[in-house]
């Protein structure tokens, strides 16, 4: 399963009401670390299909969602479980650290 594009309009249904943990990747097209992280996030989406959702939030297109999570630096990864923030990491992280966040959720 590919990453989901998370927007203000689908946030409640895809994230808040999700029965599985959701990894949110806050990113922007102009951000080099975000571009480096993109293939890692895509890999995780495939590996965790059925066990977790992986969503991408473009901070330029969704400033309200970025503000809601107080995203000041990107990339920022947030793991949501049962509608609440379970884990949060700012900056580029290796795949193992990101998957560990999902495993703890």
PDB file of N, CA and C in Angstrom:
ATOM      1  N   UNK A   1       0.855  -1.188   0.000  1.00  0.00           N
ATOM      2  CA  UNK A   1       0.000   0.000   0.000  1.00  0.00           C
ATOM      3  C   UNK A   1       0.891   1.239   0.000  1.00  0.00           C
ATOM      4  N   UNK A   2       0.587   2.136  -0.857  1.00  0.00           N
ATOM      5  CA  UNK A   2       1.344   3.383  -0.921  1.00  0.00           C
ATOM      6  C   UNK A   2       0.972   4.278   0.257  1.00  0.00           C
ATOM      7  N   UNK A   3       1.792   5.280   0.434  1.00  0.00           N
ATOM      8  CA  UNK A   3       1.472   6.239   1.489  1.00  0.00           C
ATOM      9  C   UNK A   3       0.179   6.966   1.132  1.00  0.00           C
ATOM     10  N   UNK A   4      -0.539   7.365   2.165  1.00  0.00           N
ATOM     11  CA  UNK A   4      -1.756   8.144   1.983  1.00  0.00           C
ATOM     12  C   UNK A   4      -1.392   9.623   2.002  1.00  0.00           C
ATOM     13  N   UNK A   5      -2.065  10.396   1.174  1.00  0.00           N
ATOM     14  CA  UNK A   5      -1.911  11.850   1.253  1.00  0.00           C
ATOM     15  C   UNK A   5      -2.914  12.317   2.300  1.00  0.00           C
ATOM     16  N   UNK A   6      -2.401  12.814   3.408  1.00  0.00           N
ATOM     17  CA  UNK A   6      -3.273  13.253   4.495  1.00  0.00           C
ATOM     18  C   UNK A   6      -3.553  14.744   4.338  1.00  0.00           C
ATOM     19  N   UNK A   7      -4.835  15.064   4.356  1.00  0.00           N
ATOM     20  CA  UNK A   7      -5.280  16.449   4.224  1.00  0.00           C
ATOM     21  C   UNK A   7      -6.228  16.761   5.381  1.00  0.00           C
ATOM     22  N   UNK A   8      -6.565  18.011   5.471  1.00  0.00           N
ATOM     23  CA  UNK A   8      -7.529  18.428   6.497  1.00  0.00           C
ATOM     24  C   UNK A   8      -8.846  17.662   6.334  1.00  0.00           C
ATOM     25  N   UNK A   9      -9.235  17.405   5.091  1.00  0.00           N
ATOM     26  CA  UNK A   9     -10.534  16.769   4.847  1.00  0.00           C
ATOM     27  C   UNK A   9     -10.553  15.267   5.163  1.00  0.00           C
ATOM     28  N   UNK A  10      -9.411  14.573   5.081  1.00  0.00           N
ATOM     29  CA  UNK A  10      -9.438  13.136   5.384  1.00  0.00           C
ATOM     30  C   UNK A  10      -8.739  12.792   6.701  1.00  0.00           C
ATOM     31  N   UNK A  11      -8.246  13.788   7.433  1.00  0.00           N
ATOM     32  CA  UNK A  11      -7.503  13.552   8.665  1.00  0.00           C
ATOM     33  C   UNK A  11      -8.308  12.765   9.692  1.00  0.00           C
ATOM     34  N   UNK A  12      -9.546  13.167   9.906  1.00  0.00           N
ATOM     35  CA  UNK A  12     -10.361  12.485  10.923  1.00  0.00           C
ATOM     36  C   UNK A  12     -10.589  11.027  10.555  1.00  0.00           C
ATOM     37  N   UNK A  13     -10.995  10.758   9.324  1.00  0.00           N
ATOM     38  CA  UNK A  13     -11.304   9.378   8.935  1.00  0.00           C
ATOM     39  C   UNK A  13     -10.053   8.509   8.829  1.00  0.00           C
ATOM     40  N   UNK A  14      -8.968   9.035   8.280  1.00  0.00           N
ATOM     41  CA  UNK A  14      -7.771   8.223   8.061  1.00  0.00           C
ATOM     42  C   UNK A  14      -6.864   8.126   9.284  1.00  0.00           C
ATOM     43  N   UNK A  15      -6.857   9.141  10.133  1.00  0.00           N
ATOM     44  CA  UNK A  15      -5.922   9.170  11.258  1.00  0.00           C
ATOM     45  C   UNK A  15      -6.640   8.998  12.596  1.00  0.00           C
ATOM     46  N   UNK A  16      -7.553   9.894  12.902  1.00  0.00           N
ATOM     47  CA  UNK A  16      -8.190   9.865  14.222  1.00  0.00           C
ATOM     48  C   UNK A  16      -9.041   8.616  14.445  1.00  0.00           C
ATOM     49  N   UNK A  17      -9.686   8.134  13.397  1.00  0.00           N
ATOM     50  CA  UNK A  17     -10.551   6.956  13.540  1.00  0.00           C
ATOM     51  C   UNK A  17      -9.857   5.660  13.126  1.00  0.00           C
ATOM     52  N   UNK A  18      -8.579   5.703  12.848  1.00  0.00           N
ATOM     53  CA  UNK A  18      -7.858   4.519  12.383  1.00  0.00           C
ATOM     54  C   UNK A  18      -7.801   3.456  13.476  1.00  0.00           C
ATOM     55  N   UNK A  19      -8.003   2.215  13.083  1.00  0.00           N
ATOM     56  CA  UNK A  19      -7.928   1.098  14.023  1.00  0.00           C
ATOM     57  C   UNK A  19      -6.504   0.585  14.166  1.00  0.00           C
ATOM     58  N   UNK A  20      -5.604   1.058  13.322  1.00  0.00           N
ATOM     59  CA  UNK A  20      -4.190   0.683  13.395  1.00  0.00           C
ATOM     60  C   UNK A  20      -3.362   1.950  13.613  1.00  0.00           C
ATOM     61  N   UNK A  21      -2.142   1.824  14.124  1.00  0.00           N
ATOM     62  CA  UNK A  21      -1.297   3.015  14.274  1.00  0.00           C
ATOM     63  C   UNK A  21      -1.073   3.709  12.925  1.00  0.00           C
ATOM     64  N   UNK A  22      -0.859   5.012  12.980  1.00  0.00           N
ATOM     65  CA  UNK A  22      -0.633   5.802  11.768  1.00  0.00           C
ATOM     66  C   UNK A  22       0.681   6.564  11.919  1.00  0.00           C
ATOM     67  N   UNK A  23       1.574   6.362  10.960  1.00  0.00           N
ATOM     68  CA  UNK A  23       2.813   7.135  10.900  1.00  0.00           C
ATOM     69  C   UNK A  23       2.568   8.318   9.978  1.00  0.00           C
ATOM     70  N   UNK A  24       2.708   9.523  10.510  1.00  0.00           N
ATOM     71  CA  UNK A  24       2.551  10.734   9.707  1.00  0.00           C
ATOM     72  C   UNK A  24       3.926  11.319   9.436  1.00  0.00           C
ATOM     73  N   UNK A  25       4.202  11.588   8.173  1.00  0.00           N
ATOM     74  CA  UNK A  25       5.449  12.206   7.751  1.00  0.00           C
ATOM     75  C   UNK A  25       5.128  13.629   7.303  1.00  0.00           C
ATOM     76  N   UNK A  26       5.523  14.618   8.111  1.00  0.00           N
ATOM     77  CA  UNK A  26       5.343  16.023   7.749  1.00  0.00           C
ATOM     78  C   UNK A  26       6.555  16.435   6.925  1.00  0.00           C
ATOM     79  N   UNK A  27       6.304  16.910   5.689  1.00  0.00           N
ATOM     80  CA  UNK A  27       7.382  17.156   4.746  1.00  0.00           C
ATOM     81  C   UNK A  27       7.043  18.326   3.827  1.00  0.00           C
ATOM     82  N   UNK A  28       8.010  18.682   2.962  1.00  0.00           N
ATOM     83  CA  UNK A  28       7.791  19.689   1.916  1.00  0.00           C
ATOM     84  C   UNK A  28       8.704  19.353   0.736  1.00  0.00           C
ATOM     85  N   UNK A  29       8.295  19.762  -0.443  1.00  0.00           N
ATOM     86  CA  UNK A  29       9.059  19.451  -1.654  1.00  0.00           C
ATOM     87  C   UNK A  29      10.433  20.110  -1.659  1.00  0.00           C
ATOM     88  N   UNK A  30      10.572  21.243  -1.002  1.00  0.00           N
ATOM     89  CA  UNK A  30      11.823  22.008  -1.021  1.00  0.00           C
ATOM     90  C   UNK A  30      12.810  21.551   0.052  1.00  0.00           C
ATOM     91  N   UNK A  31      12.470  20.534   0.821  1.00  0.00           N
ATOM     92  CA  UNK A  31      13.264  20.090   1.971  1.00  0.00           C
ATOM     93  C   UNK A  31      14.153  18.900   1.594  1.00  0.00           C
ATOM     94  N   UNK A  32      15.488  19.093   1.489  1.00  0.00           N
ATOM     95  CA  UNK A  32      16.373  17.980   1.117  1.00  0.00           C
ATOM     96  C   UNK A  32      16.297  16.767   2.052  1.00  0.00           C
ATOM     97  N   UNK A  33      16.296  16.939   3.397  1.00  0.00           N
ATOM     98  CA  UNK A  33      16.172  15.749   4.246  1.00  0.00           C
ATOM     99  C   UNK A  33      14.845  15.010   4.036  1.00  0.00           C
ATOM    100  N   UNK A  34      13.803  15.765   3.711  1.00  0.00           N
ATOM    101  CA  UNK A  34      12.498  15.137   3.441  1.00  0.00           C
ATOM    102  C   UNK A  34      12.589  14.263   2.188  1.00  0.00           C
ATOM    103  N   UNK A  35      13.275  14.764   1.171  1.00  0.00           N
ATOM    104  CA  UNK A  35      13.436  13.993  -0.066  1.00  0.00           C
ATOM    105  C   UNK A  35      14.279  12.748   0.183  1.00  0.00           C
ATOM    106  N   UNK A  36      15.289  12.850   1.061  1.00  0.00           N
ATOM    107  CA  UNK A  36      16.105  11.684   1.404  1.00  0.00           C
ATOM    108  C   UNK A  36      15.282  10.644   2.158  1.00  0.00           C
ATOM    109  N   UNK A  37      14.357  11.097   2.958  1.00  0.00           N
ATOM    110  CA  UNK A  37      13.537  10.219   3.778  1.00  0.00           C
ATOM    111  C   UNK A  37      12.404   9.564   2.988  1.00  0.00           C
ATOM    112  N   UNK A  38      12.002  10.174   1.910  1.00  0.00           N
ATOM    113  CA  UNK A  38      10.844   9.714   1.149  1.00  0.00           C
ATOM    114  C   UNK A  38      10.888   8.238   0.754  1.00  0.00           C
ATOM    115  N   UNK A  39      12.003   7.723   0.196  1.00  0.00           N
ATOM    116  CA  UNK A  39      12.015   6.294  -0.148  1.00  0.00           C
ATOM    117  C   UNK A  39      11.932   5.376   1.079  1.00  0.00           C
ATOM    118  N   UNK A  40      12.448   5.837   2.197  1.00  0.00           N
ATOM    119  CA  UNK A  40      12.375   5.065   3.443  1.00  0.00           C
ATOM    120  C   UNK A  40      10.919   4.961   3.898  1.00  0.00           C
ATOM    121  N   UNK A  41      10.221   6.087   3.850  1.00  0.00           N
ATOM    122  CA  UNK A  41       8.803   6.112   4.247  1.00  0.00           C
ATOM    123  C   UNK A  41       7.992   5.208   3.318  1.00  0.00           C
ATOM    124  N   UNK A  42       8.302   5.251   2.035  1.00  0.00           N
ATOM    125  CA  UNK A  42       7.602   4.411   1.059  1.00  0.00           C
ATOM    126  C   UNK A  42       7.834   2.925   1.364  1.00  0.00           C
ATOM    127  N   UNK A  43       9.062   2.571   1.710  1.00  0.00           N
ATOM    128  CA  UNK A  43       9.404   1.192   2.067  1.00  0.00           C
ATOM    129  C   UNK A  43       8.609   0.732   3.292  1.00  0.00           C
ATOM    130  N   UNK A  44       8.574   1.591   4.299  1.00  0.00           N
ATOM    131  CA  UNK A  44       7.851   1.271   5.535  1.00  0.00           C
ATOM    132  C   UNK A  44       6.367   1.064   5.230  1.00  0.00           C
ATOM    133  N   UNK A  45       5.814   1.899   4.361  1.00  0.00           N
ATOM    134  CA  UNK A  45       4.393   1.772   3.992  1.00  0.00           C
ATOM    135  C   UNK A  45       4.125   0.383   3.424  1.00  0.00           C
ATOM    136  N   UNK A  46       5.009  -0.105   2.584  1.00  0.00           N
ATOM    137  CA  UNK A  46       4.842  -1.435   2.004  1.00  0.00           C
ATOM    138  C   UNK A  46       4.998  -2.540   3.032  1.00  0.00           C
ATOM    139  N   UNK A  47       5.981  -2.406   3.892  1.00  0.00           N
ATOM    140  CA  UNK A  47       6.266  -3.444   4.891  1.00  0.00           C
ATOM    141  C   UNK A  47       5.201  -3.529   5.980  1.00  0.00           C
ATOM    142  N   UNK A  48       4.559  -2.409   6.290  1.00  0.00           N
ATOM    143  CA  UNK A  48       3.583  -2.390   7.381  1.00  0.00           C
ATOM    144  C   UNK A  48       2.141  -2.442   6.892  1.00  0.00           C
ATOM    145  N   UNK A  49       1.953  -2.757   5.620  1.00  0.00           N
ATOM    146  CA  UNK A  49       0.597  -2.818   5.067  1.00  0.00           C
ATOM    147  C   UNK A  49      -0.267  -3.763   5.904  1.00  0.00           C
ATOM    148  N   UNK A  50      -1.426  -3.277   6.304  1.00  0.00           N
ATOM    149  CA  UNK A  50      -2.345  -4.066   7.104  1.00  0.00           C
ATOM    150  C   UNK A  50      -2.105  -3.938   8.606  1.00  0.00           C
ATOM    151  N   UNK A  51      -0.895  -3.532   8.994  1.00  0.00           N
ATOM    152  CA  UNK A  51      -0.574  -3.392  10.422  1.00  0.00           C
ATOM    153  C   UNK A  51      -0.515  -1.930  10.852  1.00  0.00           C
ATOM    154  N   UNK A  52      -0.300  -1.041   9.890  1.00  0.00           N
ATOM    155  CA  UNK A  52      -0.221   0.400  10.175  1.00  0.00           C
ATOM    156  C   UNK A  52      -0.499   1.159   8.886  1.00  0.00           C
ATOM    157  N   UNK A  53      -0.878   2.403   9.042  1.00  0.00           N
ATOM    158  CA  UNK A  53      -1.036   3.297   7.895  1.00  0.00           C
ATOM    159  C   UNK A  53       0.151   4.249   7.893  1.00  0.00           C
ATOM    160  N   UNK A  54       0.533   4.668   6.699  1.00  0.00           N
ATOM    161  CA  UNK A  54       1.597   5.659   6.566  1.00  0.00           C
ATOM    162  C   UNK A  54       1.034   6.812   5.749  1.00  0.00           C
ATOM    163  N   UNK A  55       1.042   7.994   6.348  1.00  0.00           N
ATOM    164  CA  UNK A  55       0.496   9.166   5.689  1.00  0.00           C
ATOM    165  C   UNK A  55       1.529  10.259   5.546  1.00  0.00           C
ATOM    166  N   UNK A  56       1.425  10.992   4.449  1.00  0.00           N
ATOM    167  CA  UNK A  56       2.325  12.119   4.214  1.00  0.00           C
ATOM    168  C   UNK A  56       1.511  13.402   4.292  1.00  0.00           C
ATOM    169  N   UNK A  57       2.049  14.376   5.032  1.00  0.00           N
ATOM    170  CA  UNK A  57       1.391  15.670   5.188  1.00  0.00           C
ATOM    171  C   UNK A  57       2.328  16.732   4.637  1.00  0.00           C
ATOM    172  N   UNK A  58       1.950  17.337   3.524  1.00  0.00           N
ATOM    173  CA  UNK A  58       2.736  18.420   2.942  1.00  0.00           C
ATOM    174  C   UNK A  58       2.444  19.690   3.746  1.00  0.00           C
ATOM    175  N   UNK A  59       3.460  20.191   4.448  1.00  0.00           N
ATOM    176  CA  UNK A  59       3.231  21.326   5.355  1.00  0.00           C
ATOM    177  C   UNK A  59       2.853  22.603   4.609  1.00  0.00           C
ATOM    178  N   UNK A  60       3.259  22.719   3.343  1.00  0.00           N
ATOM    179  CA  UNK A  60       2.884  23.904   2.563  1.00  0.00           C
ATOM    180  C   UNK A  60       1.419  23.855   2.144  1.00  0.00           C
ATOM    181  N   UNK A  61       0.911  22.657   1.887  1.00  0.00           N
ATOM    182  CA  UNK A  61      -0.479  22.496   1.458  1.00  0.00           C
ATOM    183  C   UNK A  61      -1.439  22.357   2.643  1.00  0.00           C
ATOM    184  N   UNK A  62      -0.916  21.923   3.786  1.00  0.00           N
ATOM    185  CA  UNK A  62      -1.757  21.669   4.967  1.00  0.00           C
ATOM    186  C   UNK A  62      -1.206  22.391   6.196  1.00  0.00           C
ATOM    187  N   UNK A  63      -1.136  23.735   6.162  1.00  0.00           N
ATOM    188  CA  UNK A  63      -0.562  24.468   7.292  1.00  0.00           C
ATOM    189  C   UNK A  63      -1.353  24.282   8.592  1.00  0.00           C
ATOM    190  N   UNK A  64      -2.658  24.037   8.480  1.00  0.00           N
ATOM    191  CA  UNK A  64      -3.458  23.846   9.693  1.00  0.00           C
ATOM    192  C   UNK A  64      -3.068  22.559  10.422  1.00  0.00           C
ATOM    193  N   UNK A  65      -2.806  21.488   9.658  1.00  0.00           N
ATOM    194  CA  UNK A  65      -2.384  20.235  10.286  1.00  0.00           C
ATOM    195  C   UNK A  65      -0.993  20.395  10.895  1.00  0.00           C
ATOM    196  N   UNK A  66      -0.105  21.083  10.180  1.00  0.00           N
ATOM    197  CA  UNK A  66       1.242  21.325  10.717  1.00  0.00           C
ATOM    198  C   UNK A  66       1.159  22.119  12.017  1.00  0.00           C
ATOM    199  N   UNK A  67       0.289  23.114  12.055  1.00  0.00           N
ATOM    200  CA  UNK A  67       0.124  23.929  13.263  1.00  0.00           C
ATOM    201  C   UNK A  67      -0.478  23.102  14.394  1.00  0.00           C
ATOM    202  N   UNK A  68      -1.409  22.224  14.069  1.00  0.00           N
ATOM    203  CA  UNK A  68      -2.055  21.396  15.077  1.00  0.00           C
ATOM    204  C   UNK A  68      -1.024  20.521  15.814  1.00  0.00           C
ATOM    205  N   UNK A  69       0.004  20.077  15.093  1.00  0.00           N
ATOM    206  CA  UNK A  69       1.051  19.251  15.687  1.00  0.00           C
ATOM    207  C   UNK A  69       2.284  20.065  16.089  1.00  0.00           C
ATOM    208  N   UNK A  70       2.167  21.390  15.982  1.00  0.00           N
ATOM    209  CA  UNK A  70       3.267  22.300  16.320  1.00  0.00           C
ATOM    210  C   UNK A  70       4.556  21.954  15.575  1.00  0.00           C
ATOM    211  N   UNK A  71       4.424  21.630  14.296  1.00  0.00           N
ATOM    212  CA  UNK A  71       5.581  21.283  13.474  1.00  0.00           C
ATOM    213  C   UNK A  71       6.332  22.562  13.142  1.00  0.00           C
ATOM    214  N   UNK A  72       7.546  22.670  13.640  1.00  0.00           N
ATOM    215  CA  UNK A  72       8.394  23.828  13.372  1.00  0.00           C
ATOM    216  C   UNK A  72       9.561  23.475  12.461  1.00  0.00           C
ATOM    217  N   UNK A  73       9.947  22.205  12.452  1.00  0.00           N
ATOM    218  CA  UNK A  73      11.035  21.732  11.605  1.00  0.00           C
ATOM    219  C   UNK A  73      10.577  20.476  10.888  1.00  0.00           C
ATOM    220  N   UNK A  74      11.094  20.291   9.677  1.00  0.00           N
ATOM    221  CA  UNK A  74      10.746  19.096   8.916  1.00  0.00           C
ATOM    222  C   UNK A  74      12.026  18.421   8.452  1.00  0.00           C
ATOM    223  N   UNK A  75      11.998  17.127   8.247  1.00  0.00           N
ATOM    224  CA  UNK A  75      10.845  16.254   8.443  1.00  0.00           C
ATOM    225  C   UNK A  75      10.526  16.048   9.918  1.00  0.00           C
ATOM    226  N   UNK A  76       9.250  15.889  10.188  1.00  0.00           N
ATOM    227  CA  UNK A  76       8.769  15.494  11.509  1.00  0.00           C
ATOM    228  C   UNK A  76       7.900  14.266  11.300  1.00  0.00           C
ATOM    229  N   UNK A  77       8.151  13.241  12.099  1.00  0.00           N
ATOM    230  CA  UNK A  77       7.353  12.025  12.025  1.00  0.00           C
ATOM    231  C   UNK A  77       6.587  11.857  13.331  1.00  0.00           C
ATOM    232  N   UNK A  78       5.308  11.585  13.194  1.00  0.00           N
ATOM    233  CA  UNK A  78       4.428  11.414  14.351  1.00  0.00           C
ATOM    234  C   UNK A  78       3.718  10.075  14.195  1.00  0.00           C
ATOM    235  N   UNK A  79       3.740   9.279  15.253  1.00  0.00           N
ATOM    236  CA  UNK A  79       2.960   8.045  15.260  1.00  0.00           C
ATOM    237  C   UNK A  79       1.721   8.306  16.107  1.00  0.00           C
ATOM    238  N   UNK A  80       0.572   8.093  15.486  1.00  0.00           N
ATOM    239  CA  UNK A  80      -0.714   8.269  16.157  1.00  0.00           C
ATOM    240  C   UNK A  80      -1.302   6.893  16.460  1.00  0.00           C
ATOM    241  N   UNK A  81      -1.847   6.762  17.664  1.00  0.00           N
ATOM    242  CA  UNK A  81      -2.531   5.521  18.027  1.00  0.00           C
ATOM    243  C   UNK A  81      -3.778   5.900  18.807  1.00  0.00           C
ATOM    244  N   UNK A  82      -4.896   5.363  18.376  1.00  0.00           N
ATOM    245  CA  UNK A  82      -6.193   5.648  18.998  1.00  0.00           C
ATOM    246  C   UNK A  82      -6.456   7.145  19.083  1.00  0.00           C
ATOM    247  N   UNK A  83      -6.067   7.874  18.032  1.00  0.00           N
ATOM    248  CA  UNK A  83      -6.337   9.301  17.951  1.00  0.00           C
ATOM    249  C   UNK A  83      -5.411  10.186  18.757  1.00  0.00           C
ATOM    250  N   UNK A  84      -4.363   9.608  19.357  1.00  0.00           N
ATOM    251  CA  UNK A  84      -3.437  10.391  20.184  1.00  0.00           C
ATOM    252  C   UNK A  84      -2.002  10.205  19.700  1.00  0.00           C
ATOM    253  N   UNK A  85      -1.167  11.210  19.986  1.00  0.00           N
ATOM    254  CA  UNK A  85       0.245  11.118  19.630  1.00  0.00           C
ATOM    255  C   UNK A  85       0.914  10.100  20.553  1.00  0.00           C
ATOM    256  N   UNK A  86       1.505   9.070  19.947  1.00  0.00           N
ATOM    257  CA  UNK A  86       2.201   8.038  20.715  1.00  0.00           C
ATOM    258  C   UNK A  86       3.716   8.260  20.671  1.00  0.00           C
ATOM    259  N   UNK A  87       4.219   8.731  19.539  1.00  0.00           N
ATOM    260  CA  UNK A  87       5.656   8.951  19.343  1.00  0.00           C
ATOM    261  C   UNK A  87       5.834  10.147  18.419  1.00  0.00           C
ATOM    262  N   UNK A  88       6.971  10.827  18.583  1.00  0.00           N
ATOM    263  CA  UNK A  88       7.275  11.972  17.729  1.00  0.00           C
ATOM    264  C   UNK A  88       8.786  12.072  17.556  1.00  0.00           C
ATOM    265  N   UNK A  89       9.242  12.322  16.333  1.00  0.00           N
ATOM    266  CA  UNK A  89      10.665  12.503  16.060  1.00  0.00           C
ATOM    267  C   UNK A  89      10.824  13.619  15.037  1.00  0.00           C
ATOM    268  N   UNK A  90      11.803  14.476  15.265  1.00  0.00           N
ATOM    269  CA  UNK A  90      12.071  15.591  14.363  1.00  0.00           C
ATOM    270  C   UNK A  90      13.424  15.371  13.708  1.00  0.00           C
ATOM    271  N   UNK A  91      13.474  15.599  12.399  1.00  0.00           N
ATOM    272  CA  UNK A  91      14.722  15.450  11.666  1.00  0.00           C
ATOM    273  C   UNK A  91      14.822  14.082  11.016  1.00  0.00           C
ATOM    274  N   UNK A  92      15.792  13.963  10.120  1.00  0.00           N
ATOM    275  CA  UNK A  92      16.002  12.696   9.422  1.00  0.00           C
ATOM    276  C   UNK A  92      16.324  11.601  10.429  1.00  0.00           C
ATOM    277  N   UNK A  93      15.715  10.460  10.258  1.00  0.00           N
ATOM    278  CA  UNK A  93      15.974   9.297  11.109  1.00  0.00           C
ATOM    279  C   UNK A  93      16.204   8.084  10.219  1.00  0.00           C
ATOM    280  N   UNK A  94      17.078   7.160  10.645  1.00  0.00           N
ATOM    281  CA  UNK A  94      17.222   5.925   9.878  1.00  0.00           C
ATOM    282  C   UNK A  94      15.960   5.078   9.991  1.00  0.00           C
ATOM    283  N   UNK A  95      15.783   4.207   9.036  1.00  0.00           N
ATOM    284  CA  UNK A  95      14.584   3.368   8.966  1.00  0.00           C
ATOM    285  C   UNK A  95      14.323   2.638  10.283  1.00  0.00           C
ATOM    286  N   UNK A  96      15.372   2.094  10.901  1.00  0.00           N
ATOM    287  CA  UNK A  96      15.205   1.316  12.133  1.00  0.00           C
ATOM    288  C   UNK A  96      14.573   2.158  13.240  1.00  0.00           C
ATOM    289  N   UNK A  97      14.970   3.411  13.352  1.00  0.00           N
ATOM    290  CA  UNK A  97      14.393   4.272  14.393  1.00  0.00           C
ATOM    291  C   UNK A  97      12.911   4.536  14.128  1.00  0.00           C
ATOM    292  N   UNK A  98      12.566   4.699  12.864  1.00  0.00           N
ATOM    293  CA  UNK A  98      11.162   4.960  12.516  1.00  0.00           C
ATOM    294  C   UNK A  98      10.313   3.711  12.766  1.00  0.00           C
ATOM    295  N   UNK A  99      10.811   2.551  12.358  1.00  0.00           N
ATOM    296  CA  UNK A  99      10.045   1.323  12.588  1.00  0.00           C
ATOM    297  C   UNK A  99       9.948   1.013  14.084  1.00  0.00           C
ATOM    298  N   UNK A 100      10.981   1.363  14.855  1.00  0.00           N
ATOM    299  CA  UNK A 100      10.897   1.191  16.298  1.00  0.00           C
ATOM    300  C   UNK A 100       9.764   2.029  16.901  1.00  0.00           C
ATOM    301  N   UNK A 101       9.578   3.238  16.355  1.00  0.00           N
ATOM    302  CA  UNK A 101       8.487   4.090  16.821  1.00  0.00           C
ATOM    303  C   UNK A 101       7.144   3.384  16.597  1.00  0.00           C
ATOM    304  N   UNK A 102       6.985   2.773  15.423  1.00  0.00           N
ATOM    305  CA  UNK A 102       5.740   2.063  15.110  1.00  0.00           C
ATOM    306  C   UNK A 102       5.560   0.839  16.007  1.00  0.00           C
ATOM    307  N   UNK A 103       6.649   0.134  16.275  1.00  0.00           N
ATOM    308  CA  UNK A 103       6.561  -1.074  17.106  1.00  0.00           C
ATOM    309  C   UNK A 103       6.148  -0.724  18.536  1.00  0.00           C
ATOM    310  N   UNK A 104       6.603   0.417  19.036  1.00  0.00           N
ATOM    311  CA  UNK A 104       6.257   0.806  20.408  1.00  0.00           C
ATOM    312  C   UNK A 104       4.812   1.299  20.534  1.00  0.00           C
ATOM    313  N   UNK A 105       4.253   1.724  19.429  1.00  0.00           N
ATOM    314  CA  UNK A 105       2.889   2.303  19.466  1.00  0.00           C
ATOM    315  C   UNK A 105       1.832   1.243  19.707  1.00  0.00           C
TER     316      UNK A 105
END
